[in-house]
Protein backbone atom coordinates (compact mmCIF):
# COMPACT_ATOMS: atom_id res chain seq x y z
CA UNK A 1 127.40 108.15 84.38
CA UNK A 2 128.38 106.53 87.71
CA UNK A 3 131.39 103.85 87.20
CA UNK A 4 128.92 101.03 89.12
CA UNK A 5 126.17 102.18 86.61
CA UNK A 6 128.72 101.25 83.78
CA UNK A 7 129.90 97.91 85.15
CA UNK A 8 126.23 97.05 84.84
CA UNK A 9 125.89 97.98 81.40
CA UNK A 10 129.19 96.09 80.42
CA UNK A 11 127.83 93.19 82.52
CA UNK A 12 124.17 93.40 81.09
CA UNK A 13 125.89 93.73 77.43
CA UNK A 14 127.39 90.28 78.04
CA UNK A 15 123.99 88.81 79.16
CA UNK A 16 124.87 85.57 76.82
CA UNK A 17 127.53 84.54 78.97
CA UNK A 18 125.69 84.71 82.30
CA UNK A 19 125.31 80.86 82.51
CA UNK A 20 129.33 81.28 83.05
CA UNK A 21 129.18 83.83 85.40
CA UNK A 22 126.81 81.53 87.91
CA UNK A 23 129.67 78.58 87.77
CA UNK A 24 130.72 77.66 90.85
CA UNK A 25 134.53 78.48 90.11
CA UNK A 26 136.96 75.26 91.77
CA UNK A 27 139.32 77.58 93.17
CA UNK A 28 136.65 79.13 95.94
CA UNK A 29 137.30 77.05 98.64
CA UNK A 30 134.34 76.42 100.67
CA UNK A 31 134.97 76.00 104.55
CA UNK A 32 134.69 72.46 106.14
CA UNK A 33 134.88 71.13 109.59
CA UNK A 34 136.45 67.47 108.00
CA UNK A 35 140.12 67.11 107.89
CA UNK A 36 141.47 66.81 104.37
CA UNK A 37 142.06 63.94 102.63
CA UNK A 38 139.10 62.54 104.99
CA UNK A 39 136.06 60.88 103.42
CA UNK A 40 134.00 63.96 104.10
CA UNK A 41 136.75 66.53 103.09
CA UNK A 42 136.05 69.82 101.88
CA UNK A 43 136.97 68.58 98.60
CA UNK A 44 134.14 65.75 98.72
CA UNK A 45 132.06 68.78 99.62
CA UNK A 46 132.94 70.60 96.72
CA UNK A 47 131.97 67.83 94.53
CA UNK A 48 128.75 67.54 95.98
CA UNK A 49 127.88 70.84 95.84
CA UNK A 50 128.78 70.92 92.04
CA UNK A 51 126.77 67.93 90.92
CA UNK A 52 123.67 69.83 92.79
CA UNK A 53 124.65 72.79 91.18
CA UNK A 54 125.25 71.46 87.63
CA UNK A 55 122.36 69.51 87.95
CA UNK A 56 119.70 71.91 86.58
CA UNK A 57 117.54 71.90 89.86
CA UNK A 58 118.62 75.00 91.41
CA UNK A 59 118.14 78.39 89.32
CA UNK A 60 121.54 79.88 88.82
CA UNK A 61 122.05 83.28 89.78
CA UNK A 62 123.82 85.55 91.99
CA UNK A 63 121.33 84.98 95.16
CA UNK A 64 121.47 80.76 95.08
CA UNK A 65 125.30 81.03 93.97
CA UNK A 66 126.23 83.11 96.82
CA UNK A 67 123.63 81.67 99.55
CA UNK A 68 125.72 78.01 98.48
CA UNK A 69 129.12 79.50 99.01
CA UNK A 70 127.97 81.16 102.39
CA UNK A 71 127.69 78.52 104.78
CA UNK A 72 130.31 76.01 106.64
CA UNK A 73 130.14 72.72 105.49
CA UNK A 74 131.18 69.70 107.67
CA UNK A 75 130.30 66.25 109.05
CA UNK A 76 129.08 65.22 113.08
CA UNK A 77 128.99 62.35 114.87
CA UNK A 78 126.43 61.54 117.75
CA UNK A 79 128.45 63.27 120.33
CA UNK A 80 128.76 66.47 118.62
CA UNK A 81 125.22 67.13 117.53
CA UNK A 82 122.79 69.09 119.08
CA UNK A 83 121.09 67.69 121.57
CA UNK A 84 117.83 68.28 118.95
CA UNK A 85 119.66 66.66 115.97
CA UNK A 86 121.64 63.35 118.06
CA UNK A 87 120.52 60.77 115.37
CA UNK A 88 119.36 63.03 112.41
CA UNK A 89 120.66 62.60 108.43
CA UNK A 90 121.78 66.48 108.80
CA UNK A 91 120.85 69.50 110.29
CA UNK A 92 121.47 73.58 110.03
CA UNK A 93 122.15 76.36 111.92
CA UNK A 94 122.22 79.90 111.68
CA UNK A 95 124.74 82.27 113.55
CA UNK A 96 125.00 85.58 113.67
CA UNK A 97 127.92 87.50 112.02
CA UNK A 98 129.21 84.40 111.13
CA UNK A 99 128.88 81.70 108.11
CA UNK A 100 125.40 79.21 108.67
CA UNK A 101 126.50 75.66 109.60
CA UNK A 102 125.18 72.68 107.39
CA UNK A 103 126.41 69.41 108.57
CA UNK A 104 125.88 65.98 107.44
CA UNK A 105 125.77 63.09 109.77
CA UNK A 106 128.98 60.92 109.23
CA UNK A 107 126.89 57.88 108.98
CA UNK A 108 126.20 59.05 105.76
CA UNK A 109 129.72 58.50 104.46
CA UNK A 110 130.07 55.64 105.61
CA UNK A 111 130.11 53.38 102.95
CA UNK A 112 133.17 55.34 101.55
CA UNK A 113 135.51 53.79 104.65
CA UNK A 114 137.47 50.95 103.24
CA UNK A 115 135.26 47.37 104.07
CA UNK A 116 135.12 43.61 103.71
CA UNK A 117 131.72 44.04 101.94
CA UNK A 118 131.25 42.03 98.71
CA UNK A 119 131.94 44.39 95.56
CA UNK A 120 128.76 43.76 93.62
CA UNK A 121 126.94 44.82 97.07
CA UNK A 122 128.95 47.33 97.97
CA UNK A 123 128.58 48.95 94.21
CA UNK A 124 124.79 49.03 94.78
CA UNK A 125 125.24 50.53 98.67
CA UNK A 126 127.36 53.07 97.53
CA UNK A 127 125.09 54.17 94.64
CA UNK A 128 121.77 54.17 96.65
CA UNK A 129 124.16 56.33 99.69
CA UNK A 130 125.61 58.59 97.03
CA UNK A 131 121.55 59.78 96.21
CA UNK A 132 120.88 59.75 99.82
CA UNK A 133 123.93 62.26 100.57
CA UNK A 134 123.12 64.58 97.87
CA UNK A 135 119.01 64.59 98.37
CA UNK A 136 119.78 65.19 101.85
CA UNK A 137 122.52 68.17 101.05
CA UNK A 138 119.74 69.47 98.89
CA UNK A 139 116.98 69.66 101.82
CA UNK A 140 119.31 71.51 103.89
CA UNK A 141 120.19 73.86 101.24
CA UNK A 142 116.41 75.00 101.03
CA UNK A 143 116.42 75.42 104.75
CA UNK A 144 119.26 77.72 103.84
CA UNK A 145 117.31 79.69 101.35
CA UNK A 146 114.07 79.53 103.52
CA UNK A 147 115.94 81.65 106.33
CA UNK A 148 118.14 83.64 104.15
CA UNK A 149 116.97 84.39 100.59
CA UNK A 150 112.66 83.70 100.97
CA UNK A 151 111.50 87.22 102.83
CA UNK A 152 109.27 87.31 105.70
CA UNK A 153 106.34 87.73 103.52
CA UNK A 154 106.53 84.94 101.37
CA UNK A 155 107.20 82.68 104.17
CA UNK A 156 104.04 83.94 105.81
CA UNK A 157 102.01 82.95 102.69
CA UNK A 158 103.90 79.65 102.37
CA UNK A 159 102.68 78.73 105.90
CA UNK A 160 99.31 80.26 105.34
CA UNK A 161 98.57 77.67 102.11
CA UNK A 162 100.45 74.67 104.28
CA UNK A 163 97.95 75.00 106.91
CA UNK A 164 94.83 74.36 104.88
CA UNK A 165 97.06 71.42 102.73
CA UNK A 166 98.25 70.14 105.68
CA UNK A 167 94.01 69.84 106.97
CA UNK A 168 92.64 68.53 103.48
CA UNK A 169 95.21 65.66 103.68
CA UNK A 170 94.42 64.92 107.32
CA UNK A 171 91.28 64.74 106.64
CA UNK A 172 91.54 61.50 104.74
CA UNK A 173 92.36 58.60 107.11
CA UNK A 174 91.88 55.04 105.40
CA UNK A 175 94.52 54.11 102.63
CA UNK A 176 91.41 54.39 99.57
CA UNK A 177 90.40 57.39 101.07
CA UNK A 178 94.33 59.01 99.96
CA UNK A 179 94.26 56.90 97.27
CA UNK A 180 91.20 58.47 95.54
CA UNK A 181 92.10 62.08 97.23
CA UNK A 182 95.26 61.65 95.38
CA UNK A 183 93.96 60.36 92.09
CA UNK A 184 91.38 63.19 92.34
CA UNK A 185 94.40 65.79 92.48
CA UNK A 186 96.16 64.40 89.03
CA UNK A 187 98.62 61.82 91.19
CA UNK A 188 99.50 59.57 88.71
CA UNK A 189 103.00 58.03 90.15
CA UNK A 190 103.21 54.64 91.62
CA UNK A 191 100.99 53.67 94.90
CA UNK A 192 103.80 53.31 97.35
CA UNK A 193 105.80 56.57 96.51
CA UNK A 194 102.36 58.95 97.03
CA UNK A 195 101.96 56.85 100.22
CA UNK A 196 105.82 57.91 101.32
CA UNK A 197 104.58 61.72 100.68
CA UNK A 198 101.84 61.12 103.28
CA UNK A 199 103.98 59.70 105.47
CA UNK A 200 106.66 62.04 105.06
CA UNK A 201 104.32 65.05 105.77
CA UNK A 202 102.74 63.38 108.92
CA UNK A 203 106.16 62.58 110.10
CA UNK A 204 107.22 66.32 109.87
CA UNK A 205 103.89 67.04 111.81
CA UNK A 206 104.85 64.78 114.60
CA UNK A 207 108.33 65.65 115.04
CA UNK A 208 108.13 69.47 114.72
CA UNK A 209 106.13 72.57 116.04
CA UNK A 210 103.02 73.24 114.31
CA UNK A 211 104.91 76.46 112.91
CA UNK A 212 108.17 74.88 112.20
CA UNK A 213 106.04 72.16 110.52
CA UNK A 214 104.18 74.60 108.05
CA UNK A 215 106.82 76.20 107.43
CA UNK A 216 110.46 75.59 107.00
CA UNK A 217 110.28 71.71 107.04
CA UNK A 218 107.71 71.16 104.60
CA UNK A 219 109.68 73.55 102.28
CA UNK A 220 112.39 72.15 102.54
CA UNK A 221 111.26 68.75 102.51
CA UNK A 222 108.93 69.40 99.36
CA UNK A 223 112.44 70.53 97.53
CA UNK A 224 114.24 67.44 98.60
CA UNK A 225 111.95 65.14 97.38
CA UNK A 226 111.31 67.19 94.12
CA UNK A 227 115.01 67.01 93.56
CA UNK A 228 115.62 63.29 94.00
CA UNK A 229 112.70 62.72 91.69
CA UNK A 230 110.20 60.77 94.28
CA UNK A 231 107.52 64.04 93.93
CA UNK A 232 106.93 67.05 92.31
CA UNK A 233 106.31 69.81 94.08
CA UNK A 234 102.20 70.51 94.70
CA UNK A 235 101.41 73.66 92.27
CA UNK A 236 100.08 75.95 94.45
CA UNK A 237 103.28 76.22 96.49
CA UNK A 238 105.39 76.75 93.50
CA UNK A 239 105.16 80.01 93.41
CA UNK A 240 107.33 80.22 96.83
CA UNK A 241 110.48 78.78 94.89
CA UNK A 242 110.52 80.97 92.18
CA UNK A 243 113.92 82.70 91.82
CA UNK A 244 115.40 79.74 93.73
CA UNK A 245 114.49 76.79 91.00
CA UNK A 246 115.11 76.46 87.92
CA UNK A 247 112.77 77.26 85.10
CA UNK A 248 112.62 73.78 83.72
CA UNK A 249 112.43 72.27 87.32
CA UNK A 250 109.63 74.54 87.95
CA UNK A 251 107.91 73.88 84.35
CA UNK A 252 107.59 69.99 84.73
CA UNK A 253 104.18 68.53 84.51
CA UNK A 254 102.39 69.25 87.90
CA UNK A 255 100.32 66.55 89.74
CA UNK A 256 98.32 68.44 92.10
CA UNK A 257 95.88 70.91 90.15
CA UNK A 258 95.65 74.39 91.44
CA UNK A 259 91.90 74.41 92.94
CA UNK A 260 88.55 72.52 92.17
CA UNK A 261 87.02 69.56 93.54
CA UNK A 262 88.86 67.25 95.72
CA UNK A 263 87.12 63.92 96.43
CA UNK A 264 85.75 64.62 99.88
CA UNK A 265 85.86 61.07 101.42
CA UNK A 266 83.66 58.77 102.86
CA UNK A 267 83.11 59.69 106.75
CA UNK A 268 82.52 56.06 107.61
CA UNK A 269 85.69 54.74 106.23
CA UNK A 270 87.63 58.03 107.05
CA UNK A 271 86.63 57.13 110.83
CA UNK A 272 87.01 53.17 110.21
CA UNK A 273 83.90 52.65 111.93
CA UNK A 274 82.13 51.17 108.81
CA UNK A 275 78.13 52.04 108.47
CA UNK A 276 75.66 53.95 109.89
CA UNK A 277 74.24 51.09 112.05
CA UNK A 278 77.88 50.14 113.14
CA UNK A 279 78.48 54.10 113.87
CA UNK A 280 74.95 53.77 116.31
CA UNK A 281 76.36 50.82 117.76
CA UNK A 282 79.84 51.69 118.75
CA UNK A 283 78.19 55.32 120.10
CA UNK A 284 75.37 53.80 122.02
CA UNK A 285 78.01 51.29 124.06
CA UNK A 286 80.74 54.08 124.33
CA UNK A 287 78.66 57.51 124.28
CA UNK A 288 81.81 59.54 125.29
CA UNK A 289 83.20 59.22 122.00
CA UNK A 290 80.77 61.42 120.33
CA UNK A 291 82.92 64.60 121.32
CA UNK A 292 86.12 62.35 121.33
CA UNK A 293 89.15 64.46 119.76
CA UNK A 294 91.89 62.35 117.65
CA UNK A 295 95.29 63.77 118.13
CA UNK A 296 94.93 66.78 115.91
CA UNK A 297 91.55 67.67 118.09
CA UNK A 298 89.16 66.51 115.27
CA UNK A 299 85.92 65.32 116.31
CA UNK A 300 83.50 62.85 114.34
CA UNK A 301 81.15 66.12 113.48
CA UNK A 302 84.14 67.55 111.94
CA UNK A 303 85.06 64.83 109.77
CA UNK A 304 81.81 64.55 108.76
CA UNK A 305 81.43 68.49 107.78
CA UNK A 306 84.08 68.04 105.62
CA UNK A 307 82.81 64.57 103.59
CA UNK A 308 78.87 66.25 103.74
CA UNK A 309 77.09 63.50 105.03
CA UNK A 310 74.30 64.83 106.23
CA UNK A 311 72.77 61.71 107.73
CA UNK A 312 76.00 61.06 109.97
CA UNK A 313 75.81 64.75 110.90
CA UNK A 314 72.26 64.34 111.59
CA UNK A 315 72.94 61.59 113.84
CA UNK A 316 75.57 63.29 115.87
CA UNK A 317 73.43 66.25 116.24
CA UNK A 318 70.65 64.07 117.90
CA UNK A 319 73.51 62.42 120.23
CA UNK A 320 74.77 65.62 121.62
CA UNK A 321 77.75 66.82 118.99
CA UNK A 322 79.39 69.98 119.96
CA UNK A 323 78.79 72.05 117.20
CA UNK A 324 81.35 74.80 117.56
CA UNK A 325 84.38 72.52 119.13
CA UNK A 326 87.58 73.79 117.71
CA UNK A 327 90.54 71.46 116.93
CA UNK A 328 94.15 71.91 117.53
CA UNK A 329 95.35 72.74 113.83
CA UNK A 330 93.91 76.26 113.10
CA UNK A 331 91.44 76.20 115.83
CA UNK A 332 88.99 75.42 113.12
CA UNK A 333 85.10 74.34 114.03
CA UNK A 334 83.08 71.90 111.68
CA UNK A 335 81.43 75.25 110.05
CA UNK A 336 85.14 75.90 108.74
CA UNK A 337 85.20 72.44 107.23
CA UNK A 338 81.65 72.85 105.39
CA UNK A 339 83.29 76.38 104.33
CA UNK A 340 86.45 74.40 102.87
CA UNK A 341 84.27 71.86 100.96
CA UNK A 342 81.69 74.53 100.11
CA UNK A 343 78.96 72.15 101.73
CA UNK A 344 76.06 74.29 101.80
CA UNK A 345 73.59 72.21 103.11
CA UNK A 346 75.60 71.18 105.74
CA UNK A 347 76.40 74.47 106.55
CA UNK A 348 72.76 75.41 106.87
CA UNK A 349 72.46 72.28 109.39
CA UNK A 350 75.22 73.52 111.48
CA UNK A 351 73.75 77.04 111.58
CA UNK A 352 70.02 75.71 112.97
CA UNK A 353 71.72 74.02 115.64
CA UNK A 354 73.73 76.98 116.79
CA UNK A 355 76.82 76.85 114.55
CA UNK A 356 79.14 80.38 114.99
CA UNK A 357 79.48 82.69 111.96
CA UNK A 358 81.64 85.10 113.25
CA UNK A 359 84.10 83.52 114.03
CA UNK A 360 88.04 83.63 112.92
CA UNK A 361 90.69 80.42 113.14
CA UNK A 362 94.02 81.32 114.70
CA UNK A 363 95.52 83.12 111.18
CA UNK A 364 92.74 85.67 112.00
CA UNK A 365 90.51 83.77 109.08
CA UNK A 366 86.67 84.10 108.36
CA UNK A 367 84.73 81.09 106.75
CA UNK A 368 84.82 83.39 103.84
CA UNK A 369 88.59 83.82 103.52
CA UNK A 370 88.59 79.90 103.68
CA UNK A 371 85.46 79.49 101.00
CA UNK A 372 87.45 81.80 98.79
CA UNK A 373 90.60 79.86 98.56
CA UNK A 374 89.00 76.78 97.34
CA UNK A 375 86.71 79.12 94.52
CA UNK A 376 83.00 77.91 95.54
CA UNK A 377 81.21 80.42 94.23
CA UNK A 378 77.84 79.90 95.50
CA UNK A 379 78.86 78.89 99.01
CA UNK A 380 80.79 82.69 99.10
CA UNK A 381 77.69 84.30 97.96
CA UNK A 382 75.71 82.42 100.75
CA UNK A 383 77.84 83.30 103.36
CA UNK A 384 78.20 87.61 101.93
CA UNK A 385 73.95 86.83 102.44
CA UNK A 386 74.56 85.58 106.03
CA UNK A 387 76.70 89.33 106.49
CA UNK A 388 80.11 88.18 106.81
CA UNK A 389 82.16 90.98 105.88
CA UNK A 390 83.58 91.02 102.83
CA UNK A 391 86.73 93.33 103.61
CA UNK A 392 87.63 91.53 106.96
CA UNK A 393 91.35 91.26 107.48
CA UNK A 394 93.34 88.41 108.85
CA UNK A 395 96.67 88.33 110.89
CA UNK A 396 98.10 88.67 107.62
CA UNK A 397 96.17 92.00 107.01
CA UNK A 398 94.21 89.65 103.90
CA UNK A 399 91.03 90.58 103.04
CA UNK A 400 88.75 87.90 100.80
CA UNK A 401 90.16 89.62 97.86
CA UNK A 402 93.90 89.15 98.54
CA UNK A 403 93.42 85.19 99.24
CA UNK A 404 91.43 85.10 96.03
CA UNK A 405 94.27 86.64 94.51
CA UNK A 406 96.67 84.78 96.28
CA UNK A 407 95.17 81.09 95.29
CA UNK A 408 94.14 81.91 91.66
CA UNK A 409 90.38 81.98 91.63
CA UNK A 410 88.86 84.58 89.41
CA UNK A 411 85.74 83.58 89.53
CA UNK A 412 85.39 84.01 93.43
CA UNK A 413 87.82 87.27 92.91
CA UNK A 414 85.06 88.69 90.20
CA UNK A 415 81.99 87.64 92.43
CA UNK A 416 83.62 89.35 95.55
CA UNK A 417 84.02 92.41 93.17
CA UNK A 418 80.79 92.84 92.33
CA UNK A 419 79.83 92.60 95.93
CA UNK A 420 81.83 95.25 96.86
CA UNK A 421 85.49 94.20 97.51
CA UNK A 422 87.89 96.97 97.75
CA UNK A 423 90.79 96.57 95.13
CA UNK A 424 93.07 98.86 96.78
CA UNK A 425 93.72 97.78 100.37
CA UNK A 426 96.94 96.69 101.27
CA UNK A 427 98.17 93.82 103.74
CA UNK A 428 100.16 94.21 106.40
CA UNK A 429 102.93 94.25 104.44
CA UNK A 430 102.05 97.21 101.98
CA UNK A 431 100.59 94.71 99.39
CA UNK A 432 97.64 94.75 97.19
CA UNK A 433 95.73 92.06 95.56
CA UNK A 434 97.73 92.70 92.19
CA UNK A 435 101.17 91.59 94.15
CA UNK A 436 99.71 88.59 95.11
CA UNK A 437 98.16 87.79 91.51
CA UNK A 438 101.82 88.69 90.15
CA UNK A 439 103.06 86.26 92.92
CA UNK A 440 100.83 83.65 91.71
CA UNK A 441 101.92 83.88 88.03
CA UNK A 442 97.82 84.65 87.66
CA UNK A 443 97.66 86.14 84.03
CA UNK A 444 94.00 86.04 83.92
CA UNK A 445 93.91 87.71 87.99
CA UNK A 446 96.12 90.48 86.78
CA UNK A 447 94.02 91.18 83.67
CA UNK A 448 91.11 91.47 85.68
CA UNK A 449 92.18 93.47 88.58
CA UNK A 450 93.67 95.98 85.69
CA UNK A 451 90.26 95.94 84.26
CA UNK A 452 88.90 96.92 87.37
CA UNK A 453 90.92 99.68 87.58
CA UNK A 454 93.66 99.10 90.22
CA UNK A 455 96.85 101.06 90.54
CA UNK A 456 98.71 99.34 88.98
CA UNK A 457 102.19 101.08 90.49
CA UNK A 458 101.30 100.75 94.18
CA UNK A 459 104.46 99.68 96.19
CA UNK A 460 104.47 97.48 99.54
CA UNK A 461 106.26 97.96 101.89
CA UNK A 462 109.65 97.40 100.56
CA UNK A 463 109.17 99.85 97.82
CA UNK A 464 108.39 96.84 95.19
CA UNK A 465 105.65 96.87 93.00
CA UNK A 466 104.08 93.83 91.27
CA UNK A 467 106.12 94.44 88.37
CA UNK A 468 109.61 94.06 90.91
CA UNK A 469 107.91 90.48 92.07
CA UNK A 470 106.92 89.36 88.53
CA UNK A 471 110.35 90.23 87.40
CA UNK A 472 112.06 88.11 90.07
CA UNK A 473 110.17 85.48 89.39
CA UNK A 474 110.88 85.15 85.74
CA UNK A 475 107.12 85.60 84.98
CA UNK A 476 107.33 87.14 81.43
CA UNK A 477 103.70 86.87 80.49
CA UNK A 478 102.58 88.84 83.66
CA UNK A 479 105.54 91.44 83.17
CA UNK A 480 103.74 92.31 79.92
CA UNK A 481 100.75 92.46 80.94
CA UNK A 482 101.93 94.67 83.88
CA UNK A 483 103.69 97.00 81.17
CA UNK A 484 100.52 97.05 78.94
CA UNK A 485 98.35 97.89 82.03
CA UNK A 486 100.36 101.14 82.35
CA UNK A 487 103.16 99.96 85.06
CA UNK A 488 105.82 102.33 85.44
CA UNK A 489 109.28 100.51 84.76
CA UNK A 490 111.66 103.02 86.86
CA UNK A 491 110.45 102.66 90.45
CA UNK A 492 113.09 101.82 92.64
CA UNK A 493 112.48 99.36 95.80
CA UNK A 494 114.12 100.29 99.10
CA UNK A 495 117.66 98.99 98.25
CA UNK A 496 117.16 101.59 94.91
CA UNK A 497 116.79 98.71 92.63
CA UNK A 498 114.46 98.99 89.11
CA UNK A 499 112.55 95.68 88.30
CA UNK A 500 115.18 95.41 85.12
CA UNK A 501 117.94 95.45 87.82
CA UNK A 502 116.06 92.73 89.42
CA UNK A 503 115.17 90.49 86.93
CA UNK A 504 119.15 90.91 86.03
CA UNK A 505 120.40 89.40 89.36
CA UNK A 506 117.86 86.88 89.21
CA UNK A 507 119.30 85.46 85.78
CA UNK A 508 116.04 86.00 83.51
CA UNK A 509 117.62 87.33 80.50
CA UNK A 510 114.49 87.29 78.35
CA UNK A 511 112.57 89.43 81.07
CA UNK A 512 116.01 91.94 81.12
CA UNK A 513 115.61 92.40 77.23
CA UNK A 514 112.12 93.12 77.40
CA UNK A 515 112.07 95.54 79.97
CA UNK A 516 115.31 97.33 77.94
CA UNK A 517 113.15 97.55 75.11
CA UNK A 518 110.25 99.29 76.57
CA UNK A 519 112.94 101.49 78.47
CA UNK A 520 115.90 101.87 76.78
CA UNK A 521 116.84 104.94 78.81
CA UNK A 522 116.16 103.52 81.71
CA UNK A 523 119.85 103.02 83.14
CA UNK A 524 121.13 106.39 81.08
């Protein structure tokens, strides 16, 4: 037995003491540009990080611990900040061959400087700002996790789903629409809280490039707001925080349902026009508004197609609305929005008026990909009857079946398979639908794919099977299914690690014990 293997076995035998192994020991000195004894010193940063670490929010494992310790922390003032961040609360910078930099604005620590503020007011001020500092630090830590822990595949998939998420939020414009949309999604928090959620997402979209808004900024914002207790992470995004957030943080009651019917809104309210008679009056006075775009490139016909109001669409068509206009977001036409909502009657009307179906958005998605993401079975069947290619791939190499597995749409997946979808096709990272079902923690989807005869031990470009993914994420029920389905347990990824070793490093003790039980000689 090799010496490193012996060490691994000894540590594994002490798995009940894993919690202690993941403590941020005080004798580990964090680098900081702040002067010793100053209000933002190394000691204060260590204290902040200890509080966050011990809060039970971040998953305690080697990956998160080492990443937190592998940064330079400090404060900045206006003159010292990058040009892009002069007034921000914080900024994060990657540096090649050096520790990354995570800086907080000195203004956040102003309450720690002696002042003549009345004691009673100062206590309130201090409590609020201490919370703001911790929330801001968590936000920046998840920027760090995005760049240094999350692999490219998961980042791409997160952004892929984030675009659709943003579109559905932007399709609602009035306060009433937003309220009803969020209530239909199960959002039960006070009104001012979920409107602050909208405001935060709109600010991200306005401030950053779309690539960054749909990626690292949304990722860090969702984590930061979850840590602060303002909002929970939407269900569809939780899979991207597995291995980074604690099981407790991930398994809180979810305010977003994974899929299903979403409030469609009312196009007359959404566009703040009022009623059809008023719409006609305005367009008669200002006919050029018929194809006018908002800041995201949406036209009245886009909104009408999403809301599913046929009489409005008929009127817009009569007045010369362009049916194939592409929006700035995703390059979507009105037909894409009818697919997102499953409005067959609207789609048929658009087709009669010249809508194109052999189209792709800026991610290479077809209307079939989009309809599958929301599980509209009848609409999916309608698109297949129109002749849409069932195994068409997008820019990530994903077929509609991949999308069904990613978004947990079992009935859509079953329909696609019955129509001839190939269950063994791999995307551009070498992953099959089974890999994505595993990532999505979808037991039913995993069972379906195994029943359809998928090769359970297929490897992606990193040499990982679906079992490696489930083991890293801590999905015990999926691990059990894969084992029952005949998954090999001894397959190693390109780093030479088996699923058991992956589970151990991620701190999932139950899965370690489960895999050891089914493969007692694996470490010999």
